[in-house]
Amino acid sequence: MKNVTITVEDSVLEWVRVEAAKRGSSVSRLVGEMLAEKMRRDDAYERAYREWQADTVRMHSDGQPYPTRDEIYAERTDRLR
């Protein structure tokens, strides 16, 4: 692990100190966990976006009109019965 120095506003520092104390953690550990969670979320979003872009089986109309909202929901209602 590496040590870093960050600059934050006084109000942010006060909040993170209180938050760390509530969780029984240190400021350093809490900030590290928050950054790791942000990294995981961003990675998951990017991965999902790339998968969506690569998906070649999307809804195409082939010149036909798309179904109306009522038609879509009627179809779902029929399946639930």
PDB file of N, CA and C in Angstrom:
ATOM      1  N   MET A   1       0.828  -1.177   0.000  1.00  0.00           N
ATOM      2  CA  MET A   1       0.000   0.000   0.000  1.00  0.00           C
ATOM      3  C   MET A   1       0.873   1.240   0.000  1.00  0.00           C
ATOM      4  N   LYS A   2       0.339   2.286  -0.601  1.00  0.00           N
ATOM      5  CA  LYS A   2       1.056   3.552  -0.683  1.00  0.00           C
ATOM      6  C   LYS A   2       0.350   4.596   0.172  1.00  0.00           C
ATOM      7  N   ASN A   3       1.105   5.532   0.686  1.00  0.00           N
ATOM      8  CA  ASN A   3       0.548   6.668   1.411  1.00  0.00           C
ATOM      9  C   ASN A   3       0.389   7.827   0.449  1.00  0.00           C
ATOM     10  N   VAL A   4      -0.697   8.579   0.613  1.00  0.00           N
ATOM     11  CA  VAL A   4      -0.917   9.772  -0.198  1.00  0.00           C
ATOM     12  C   VAL A   4      -1.339  10.918   0.710  1.00  0.00           C
ATOM     13  N   THR A   5      -1.126  12.110   0.252  1.00  0.00           N
ATOM     14  CA  THR A   5      -1.579  13.299   0.961  1.00  0.00           C
ATOM     15  C   THR A   5      -2.661  13.933   0.115  1.00  0.00           C
ATOM     16  N   ILE A   6      -3.800  14.272   0.735  1.00  0.00           N
ATOM     17  CA  ILE A   6      -4.882  14.905  -0.002  1.00  0.00           C
ATOM     18  C   ILE A   6      -5.225  16.241   0.655  1.00  0.00           C
ATOM     19  N   THR A   7      -5.827  17.112  -0.122  1.00  0.00           N
ATOM     20  CA  THR A   7      -6.284  18.396   0.386  1.00  0.00           C
ATOM     21  C   THR A   7      -7.800  18.425   0.277  1.00  0.00           C
ATOM     22  N   VAL A   8      -8.465  18.681   1.393  1.00  0.00           N
ATOM     23  CA  VAL A   8      -9.926  18.743   1.404  1.00  0.00           C
ATOM     24  C   VAL A   8     -10.364  19.960   2.218  1.00  0.00           C
ATOM     25  N   GLU A   9     -11.587  20.370   1.987  1.00  0.00           N
ATOM     26  CA  GLU A   9     -12.146  21.471   2.769  1.00  0.00           C
ATOM     27  C   GLU A   9     -12.328  21.027   4.216  1.00  0.00           C
ATOM     28  N   ASP A  10     -12.316  21.985   5.113  1.00  0.00           N
ATOM     29  CA  ASP A  10     -12.466  21.679   6.537  1.00  0.00           C
ATOM     30  C   ASP A  10     -13.759  20.924   6.816  1.00  0.00           C
ATOM     31  N   SER A  11     -14.840  21.316   6.163  1.00  0.00           N
ATOM     32  CA  SER A  11     -16.129  20.658   6.403  1.00  0.00           C
ATOM     33  C   SER A  11     -16.096  19.194   5.963  1.00  0.00           C
ATOM     34  N   VAL A  12     -15.391  18.912   4.883  1.00  0.00           N
ATOM     35  CA  VAL A  12     -15.267  17.538   4.392  1.00  0.00           C
ATOM     36  C   VAL A  12     -14.446  16.712   5.372  1.00  0.00           C
ATOM     37  N   LEU A  13     -13.372  17.293   5.865  1.00  0.00           N
ATOM     38  CA  LEU A  13     -12.531  16.595   6.827  1.00  0.00           C
ATOM     39  C   LEU A  13     -13.300  16.285   8.107  1.00  0.00           C
ATOM     40  N   GLU A  14     -14.088  17.232   8.572  1.00  0.00           N
ATOM     41  CA  GLU A  14     -14.895  17.005   9.776  1.00  0.00           C
ATOM     42  C   GLU A  14     -15.892  15.870   9.540  1.00  0.00           C
ATOM     43  N   TRP A  15     -16.546  15.886   8.376  1.00  0.00           N
ATOM     44  CA  TRP A  15     -17.527  14.842   8.061  1.00  0.00           C
ATOM     45  C   TRP A  15     -16.860  13.471   8.027  1.00  0.00           C
ATOM     46  N   VAL A  16     -15.710  13.366   7.357  1.00  0.00           N
ATOM     47  CA  VAL A  16     -15.065  12.057   7.227  1.00  0.00           C
ATOM     48  C   VAL A  16     -14.545  11.561   8.579  1.00  0.00           C
ATOM     49  N   ARG A  17     -14.116  12.460   9.422  1.00  0.00           N
ATOM     50  CA  ARG A  17     -13.685  12.038  10.764  1.00  0.00           C
ATOM     51  C   ARG A  17     -14.858  11.456  11.549  1.00  0.00           C
ATOM     52  N   VAL A  18     -15.995  12.150  11.505  1.00  0.00           N
ATOM     53  CA  VAL A  18     -17.191  11.663  12.207  1.00  0.00           C
ATOM     54  C   VAL A  18     -17.644  10.335  11.615  1.00  0.00           C
ATOM     55  N   GLU A  19     -17.671  10.257  10.287  1.00  0.00           N
ATOM     56  CA  GLU A  19     -18.109   9.034   9.605  1.00  0.00           C
ATOM     57  C   GLU A  19     -17.194   7.861   9.949  1.00  0.00           C
ATOM     58  N   ALA A  20     -15.905   8.091   9.965  1.00  0.00           N
ATOM     59  CA  ALA A  20     -14.955   7.027  10.313  1.00  0.00           C
ATOM     60  C   ALA A  20     -15.163   6.576  11.755  1.00  0.00           C
ATOM     61  N   ALA A  21     -15.382   7.524  12.646  1.00  0.00           N
ATOM     62  CA  ALA A  21     -15.608   7.176  14.051  1.00  0.00           C
ATOM     63  C   ALA A  21     -16.879   6.344  14.203  1.00  0.00           C
ATOM     64  N   LYS A  22     -17.937   6.705  13.490  1.00  0.00           N
ATOM     65  CA  LYS A  22     -19.190   5.943  13.540  1.00  0.00           C
ATOM     66  C   LYS A  22     -18.970   4.495  13.112  1.00  0.00           C
ATOM     67  N   ARG A  23     -18.099   4.305  12.158  1.00  0.00           N
ATOM     68  CA  ARG A  23     -17.851   2.969  11.609  1.00  0.00           C
ATOM     69  C   ARG A  23     -16.717   2.240  12.318  1.00  0.00           C
ATOM     70  N   GLY A  24     -16.123   2.894  13.296  1.00  0.00           N
ATOM     71  CA  GLY A  24     -15.006   2.273  14.003  1.00  0.00           C
ATOM     72  C   GLY A  24     -13.798   2.087  13.106  1.00  0.00           C
ATOM     73  N   SER A  25     -13.561   3.056  12.254  1.00  0.00           N
ATOM     74  CA  SER A  25     -12.490   2.962  11.274  1.00  0.00           C
ATOM     75  C   SER A  25     -11.621   4.213  11.354  1.00  0.00           C
ATOM     76  N   SER A  26     -10.542   4.183  10.621  1.00  0.00           N
ATOM     77  CA  SER A  26      -9.706   5.378  10.513  1.00  0.00           C
ATOM     78  C   SER A  26     -10.125   6.160   9.273  1.00  0.00           C
ATOM     79  N   VAL A  27      -9.747   7.421   9.251  1.00  0.00           N
ATOM     80  CA  VAL A  27     -10.035   8.248   8.070  1.00  0.00           C
ATOM     81  C   VAL A  27      -9.352   7.640   6.850  1.00  0.00           C
ATOM     82  N   SER A  28      -8.119   7.221   7.018  1.00  0.00           N
ATOM     83  CA  SER A  28      -7.366   6.640   5.914  1.00  0.00           C
ATOM     84  C   SER A  28      -8.067   5.406   5.346  1.00  0.00           C
ATOM     85  N   ARG A  29      -8.484   4.502   6.220  1.00  0.00           N
ATOM     86  CA  ARG A  29      -9.155   3.279   5.770  1.00  0.00           C
ATOM     87  C   ARG A  29     -10.490   3.598   5.101  1.00  0.00           C
ATOM     88  N   LEU A  30     -11.257   4.530   5.683  1.00  0.00           N
ATOM     89  CA  LEU A  30     -12.561   4.888   5.122  1.00  0.00           C
ATOM     90  C   LEU A  30     -12.401   5.491   3.732  1.00  0.00           C
ATOM     91  N   VAL A  31     -11.469   6.408   3.568  1.00  0.00           N
ATOM     92  CA  VAL A  31     -11.246   7.021   2.257  1.00  0.00           C
ATOM     93  C   VAL A  31     -10.792   5.956   1.256  1.00  0.00           C
ATOM     94  N   GLY A  32      -9.911   5.070   1.673  1.00  0.00           N
ATOM     95  CA  GLY A  32      -9.467   3.987   0.802  1.00  0.00           C
ATOM     96  C   GLY A  32     -10.618   3.092   0.367  1.00  0.00           C
ATOM     97  N   GLU A  33     -11.520   2.756   1.303  1.00  0.00           N
ATOM     98  CA  GLU A  33     -12.678   1.928   0.966  1.00  0.00           C
ATOM     99  C   GLU A  33     -13.616   2.654   0.010  1.00  0.00           C
ATOM    100  N   MET A  34     -13.811   3.956   0.234  1.00  0.00           N
ATOM    101  CA  MET A  34     -14.685   4.735  -0.655  1.00  0.00           C
ATOM    102  C   MET A  34     -14.114   4.784  -2.070  1.00  0.00           C
ATOM    103  N   LEU A  35     -12.818   4.972  -2.181  1.00  0.00           N
ATOM    104  CA  LEU A  35     -12.189   5.011  -3.503  1.00  0.00           C
ATOM    105  C   LEU A  35     -12.264   3.648  -4.191  1.00  0.00           C
ATOM    106  N   ALA A  36     -12.053   2.581  -3.431  1.00  0.00           N
ATOM    107  CA  ALA A  36     -12.135   1.232  -4.002  1.00  0.00           C
ATOM    108  C   ALA A  36     -13.546   0.946  -4.502  1.00  0.00           C
ATOM    109  N   GLU A  37     -14.562   1.362  -3.737  1.00  0.00           N
ATOM    110  CA  GLU A  37     -15.956   1.167  -4.157  1.00  0.00           C
ATOM    111  C   GLU A  37     -16.258   1.966  -5.416  1.00  0.00           C
ATOM    112  N   LYS A  38     -15.777   3.195  -5.484  1.00  0.00           N
ATOM    113  CA  LYS A  38     -15.966   4.025  -6.676  1.00  0.00           C
ATOM    114  C   LYS A  38     -15.325   3.358  -7.882  1.00  0.00           C
ATOM    115  N   MET A  39     -14.135   2.814  -7.703  1.00  0.00           N
ATOM    116  CA  MET A  39     -13.441   2.131  -8.780  1.00  0.00           C
ATOM    117  C   MET A  39     -14.253   0.920  -9.261  1.00  0.00           C
ATOM    118  N   ARG A  40     -14.785   0.123  -8.326  1.00  0.00           N
ATOM    119  CA  ARG A  40     -15.582  -1.059  -8.700  1.00  0.00           C
ATOM    120  C   ARG A  40     -16.830  -0.653  -9.467  1.00  0.00           C
ATOM    121  N   ARG A  41     -17.524   0.397  -8.995  1.00  0.00           N
ATOM    122  CA  ARG A  41     -18.742   0.847  -9.680  1.00  0.00           C
ATOM    123  C   ARG A  41     -18.435   1.352 -11.080  1.00  0.00           C
ATOM    124  N   ASP A  42     -17.389   2.148 -11.207  1.00  0.00           N
ATOM    125  CA  ASP A  42     -17.020   2.672 -12.517  1.00  0.00           C
ATOM    126  C   ASP A  42     -16.623   1.551 -13.458  1.00  0.00           C
ATOM    127  N   ASP A  43     -15.865   0.575 -12.955  1.00  0.00           N
ATOM    128  CA  ASP A  43     -15.469  -0.561 -13.782  1.00  0.00           C
ATOM    129  C   ASP A  43     -16.686  -1.351 -14.232  1.00  0.00           C
ATOM    130  N   ALA A  44     -17.636  -1.572 -13.337  1.00  0.00           N
ATOM    131  CA  ALA A  44     -18.842  -2.332 -13.677  1.00  0.00           C
ATOM    132  C   ALA A  44     -19.661  -1.581 -14.730  1.00  0.00           C
ATOM    133  N   TYR A  45     -19.752  -0.267 -14.587  1.00  0.00           N
ATOM    134  CA  TYR A  45     -20.502   0.533 -15.558  1.00  0.00           C
ATOM    135  C   TYR A  45     -19.834   0.454 -16.923  1.00  0.00           C
ATOM    136  N   GLU A  46     -18.525   0.652 -16.959  1.00  0.00           N
ATOM    137  CA  GLU A  46     -17.800   0.600 -18.233  1.00  0.00           C
ATOM    138  C   GLU A  46     -17.934  -0.760 -18.894  1.00  0.00           C
ATOM    139  N   ARG A  47     -17.842  -1.822 -18.097  1.00  0.00           N
ATOM    140  CA  ARG A  47     -17.973  -3.183 -18.637  1.00  0.00           C
ATOM    141  C   ARG A  47     -19.367  -3.390 -19.222  1.00  0.00           C
ATOM    142  N   ALA A  48     -20.391  -2.964 -18.505  1.00  0.00           N
ATOM    143  CA  ALA A  48     -21.769  -3.110 -18.990  1.00  0.00           C
ATOM    144  C   ALA A  48     -21.986  -2.279 -20.253  1.00  0.00           C
ATOM    145  N   TYR A  49     -21.412  -1.085 -20.292  1.00  0.00           N
ATOM    146  CA  TYR A  49     -21.556  -0.235 -21.476  1.00  0.00           C
ATOM    147  C   TYR A  49     -20.886  -0.878 -22.681  1.00  0.00           C
ATOM    148  N   ARG A  50     -19.694  -1.425 -22.506  1.00  0.00           N
ATOM    149  CA  ARG A  50     -19.008  -2.099 -23.616  1.00  0.00           C
ATOM    150  C   ARG A  50     -19.798  -3.321 -24.087  1.00  0.00           C
ATOM    151  N   GLU A  51     -20.375  -4.074 -23.156  1.00  0.00           N
ATOM    152  CA  GLU A  51     -21.191  -5.232 -23.539  1.00  0.00           C
ATOM    153  C   GLU A  51     -22.417  -4.785 -24.320  1.00  0.00           C
ATOM    154  N   TRP A  52     -23.030  -3.687 -23.886  1.00  0.00           N
ATOM    155  CA  TRP A  52     -24.206  -3.172 -24.591  1.00  0.00           C
ATOM    156  C   TRP A  52     -23.835  -2.735 -26.003  1.00  0.00           C
ATOM    157  N   GLN A  53     -22.690  -2.056 -26.136  1.00  0.00           N
ATOM    158  CA  GLN A  53     -22.258  -1.616 -27.457  1.00  0.00           C
ATOM    159  C   GLN A  53     -21.970  -2.799 -28.371  1.00  0.00           C
ATOM    160  N   ALA A  54     -21.439  -3.870 -27.807  1.00  0.00           N
ATOM    161  CA  ALA A  54     -21.091  -5.039 -28.610  1.00  0.00           C
ATOM    162  C   ALA A  54     -22.301  -5.902 -28.930  1.00  0.00           C
ATOM    163  N   ASP A  55     -23.413  -5.675 -28.254  1.00  0.00           N
ATOM    164  CA  ASP A  55     -24.623  -6.476 -28.455  1.00  0.00           C
ATOM    165  C   ASP A  55     -25.199  -6.190 -29.836  1.00  0.00           C
ATOM    166  N   THR A  56     -25.185  -7.187 -30.696  1.00  0.00           N
ATOM    167  CA  THR A  56     -25.715  -7.002 -32.046  1.00  0.00           C
ATOM    168  C   THR A  56     -27.184  -7.378 -32.133  1.00  0.00           C
ATOM    169  N   VAL A  57     -27.727  -7.971 -31.079  1.00  0.00           N
ATOM    170  CA  VAL A  57     -29.128  -8.378 -31.091  1.00  0.00           C
ATOM    171  C   VAL A  57     -29.939  -7.307 -30.358  1.00  0.00           C
ATOM    172  N   ARG A  58     -30.144  -6.210 -31.024  1.00  0.00           N
ATOM    173  CA  ARG A  58     -30.949  -5.124 -30.472  1.00  0.00           C
ATOM    174  C   ARG A  58     -32.272  -5.089 -31.198  1.00  0.00           C
ATOM    175  N   MET A  59     -33.187  -4.366 -30.660  1.00  0.00           N
ATOM    176  CA  MET A  59     -34.510  -4.263 -31.280  1.00  0.00           C
ATOM    177  C   MET A  59     -34.400  -3.418 -32.553  1.00  0.00           C
ATOM    178  N   HIS A  60     -34.634  -4.041 -33.693  1.00  0.00           N
ATOM    179  CA  HIS A  60     -34.635  -3.351 -34.980  1.00  0.00           C
ATOM    180  C   HIS A  60     -36.025  -3.464 -35.576  1.00  0.00           C
ATOM    181  N   SER A  61     -36.474  -2.423 -36.206  1.00  0.00           N
ATOM    182  CA  SER A  61     -37.835  -2.439 -36.731  1.00  0.00           C
ATOM    183  C   SER A  61     -37.920  -3.070 -38.114  1.00  0.00           C
ATOM    184  N   ASP A  62     -36.825  -3.126 -38.850  1.00  0.00           N
ATOM    185  CA  ASP A  62     -36.836  -3.643 -40.230  1.00  0.00           C
ATOM    186  C   ASP A  62     -37.932  -2.970 -41.048  1.00  0.00           C
ATOM    187  N   GLY A  63     -38.141  -1.697 -40.787  1.00  0.00           N
ATOM    188  CA  GLY A  63     -39.148  -0.944 -41.535  1.00  0.00           C
ATOM    189  C   GLY A  63     -40.544  -1.045 -40.963  1.00  0.00           C
ATOM    190  N   GLN A  64     -40.752  -1.945 -40.002  1.00  0.00           N
ATOM    191  CA  GLN A  64     -42.068  -2.108 -39.390  1.00  0.00           C
ATOM    192  C   GLN A  64     -42.182  -1.153 -38.206  1.00  0.00           C
ATOM    193  N   PRO A  65     -43.397  -0.704 -37.887  1.00  0.00           N
ATOM    194  CA  PRO A  65     -43.542   0.174 -36.723  1.00  0.00           C
ATOM    195  C   PRO A  65     -43.280  -0.608 -35.429  1.00  0.00           C
ATOM    196  N   TYR A  66     -42.684   0.074 -34.462  1.00  0.00           N
ATOM    197  CA  TYR A  66     -42.483  -0.541 -33.162  1.00  0.00           C
ATOM    198  C   TYR A  66     -43.833  -0.740 -32.477  1.00  0.00           C
ATOM    199  N   PRO A  67     -43.947  -1.736 -31.591  1.00  0.00           N
ATOM    200  CA  PRO A  67     -45.217  -1.926 -30.884  1.00  0.00           C
ATOM    201  C   PRO A  67     -45.508  -0.722 -29.982  1.00  0.00           C
ATOM    202  N   THR A  68     -46.773  -0.464 -29.783  1.00  0.00           N
ATOM    203  CA  THR A  68     -47.161   0.629 -28.895  1.00  0.00           C
ATOM    204  C   THR A  68     -46.970   0.179 -27.450  1.00  0.00           C
ATOM    205  N   ARG A  69     -46.996   1.131 -26.573  1.00  0.00           N
ATOM    206  CA  ARG A  69     -46.857   0.820 -25.149  1.00  0.00           C
ATOM    207  C   ARG A  69     -47.991  -0.106 -24.700  1.00  0.00           C
ATOM    208  N   ASP A  70     -49.207   0.170 -25.144  1.00  0.00           N
ATOM    209  CA  ASP A  70     -50.350  -0.669 -24.769  1.00  0.00           C
ATOM    210  C   ASP A  70     -50.158  -2.107 -25.248  1.00  0.00           C
ATOM    211  N   GLU A  71     -49.624  -2.285 -26.447  1.00  0.00           N
ATOM    212  CA  GLU A  71     -49.391  -3.636 -26.964  1.00  0.00           C
ATOM    213  C   GLU A  71     -48.341  -4.371 -26.131  1.00  0.00           C
ATOM    214  N   ILE A  72     -47.310  -3.661 -25.743  1.00  0.00           N
ATOM    215  CA  ILE A  72     -46.262  -4.286 -24.938  1.00  0.00           C
ATOM    216  C   ILE A  72     -46.809  -4.716 -23.585  1.00  0.00           C
ATOM    217  N   TYR A  73     -47.533  -3.825 -22.917  1.00  0.00           N
ATOM    218  CA  TYR A  73     -48.054  -4.159 -21.597  1.00  0.00           C
ATOM    219  C   TYR A  73     -49.169  -5.198 -21.663  1.00  0.00           C
ATOM    220  N   ALA A  74     -49.947  -5.208 -22.730  1.00  0.00           N
ATOM    221  CA  ALA A  74     -50.975  -6.242 -22.889  1.00  0.00           C
ATOM    222  C   ALA A  74     -50.310  -7.606 -23.009  1.00  0.00           C
ATOM    223  N   GLU A  75     -49.192  -7.645 -23.727  1.00  0.00           N
ATOM    224  CA  GLU A  75     -48.455  -8.898 -23.887  1.00  0.00           C
ATOM    225  C   GLU A  75     -47.916  -9.376 -22.538  1.00  0.00           C
ATOM    226  N   ARG A  76     -47.410  -8.481 -21.733  1.00  0.00           N
ATOM    227  CA  ARG A  76     -46.904  -8.850 -20.415  1.00  0.00           C
ATOM    228  C   ARG A  76     -48.023  -9.313 -19.495  1.00  0.00           C
ATOM    229  N   THR A  77     -49.144  -8.642 -19.563  1.00  0.00           N
ATOM    230  CA  THR A  77     -50.292  -9.008 -18.725  1.00  0.00           C
ATOM    231  C   THR A  77     -50.785 -10.398 -19.090  1.00  0.00           C
ATOM    232  N   ASP A  78     -50.800 -10.703 -20.398  1.00  0.00           N
ATOM    233  CA  ASP A  78     -51.235 -12.027 -20.838  1.00  0.00           C
ATOM    234  C   ASP A  78     -50.316 -13.118 -20.296  1.00  0.00           C
ATOM    235  N   ARG A  79     -49.020 -12.828 -20.235  1.00  0.00           N
ATOM    236  CA  ARG A  79     -48.071 -13.829 -19.731  1.00  0.00           C
ATOM    237  C   ARG A  79     -48.254 -14.088 -18.245  1.00  0.00           C
ATOM    238  N   LEU A  80     -48.695 -13.094 -17.500  1.00  0.00           N
ATOM    239  CA  LEU A  80     -48.865 -13.247 -16.062  1.00  0.00           C
ATOM    240  C   LEU A  80     -50.103 -14.050 -15.701  1.00  0.00           C
ATOM    241  N   ARG A  81     -51.000 -14.196 -16.624  1.00  0.00           N
ATOM    242  CA  ARG A  81     -52.254 -14.924 -16.339  1.00  0.00           C
ATOM    243  C   ARG A  81     -52.085 -16.395 -16.439  1.00  0.00           C
TER     244      ARG A  81
END
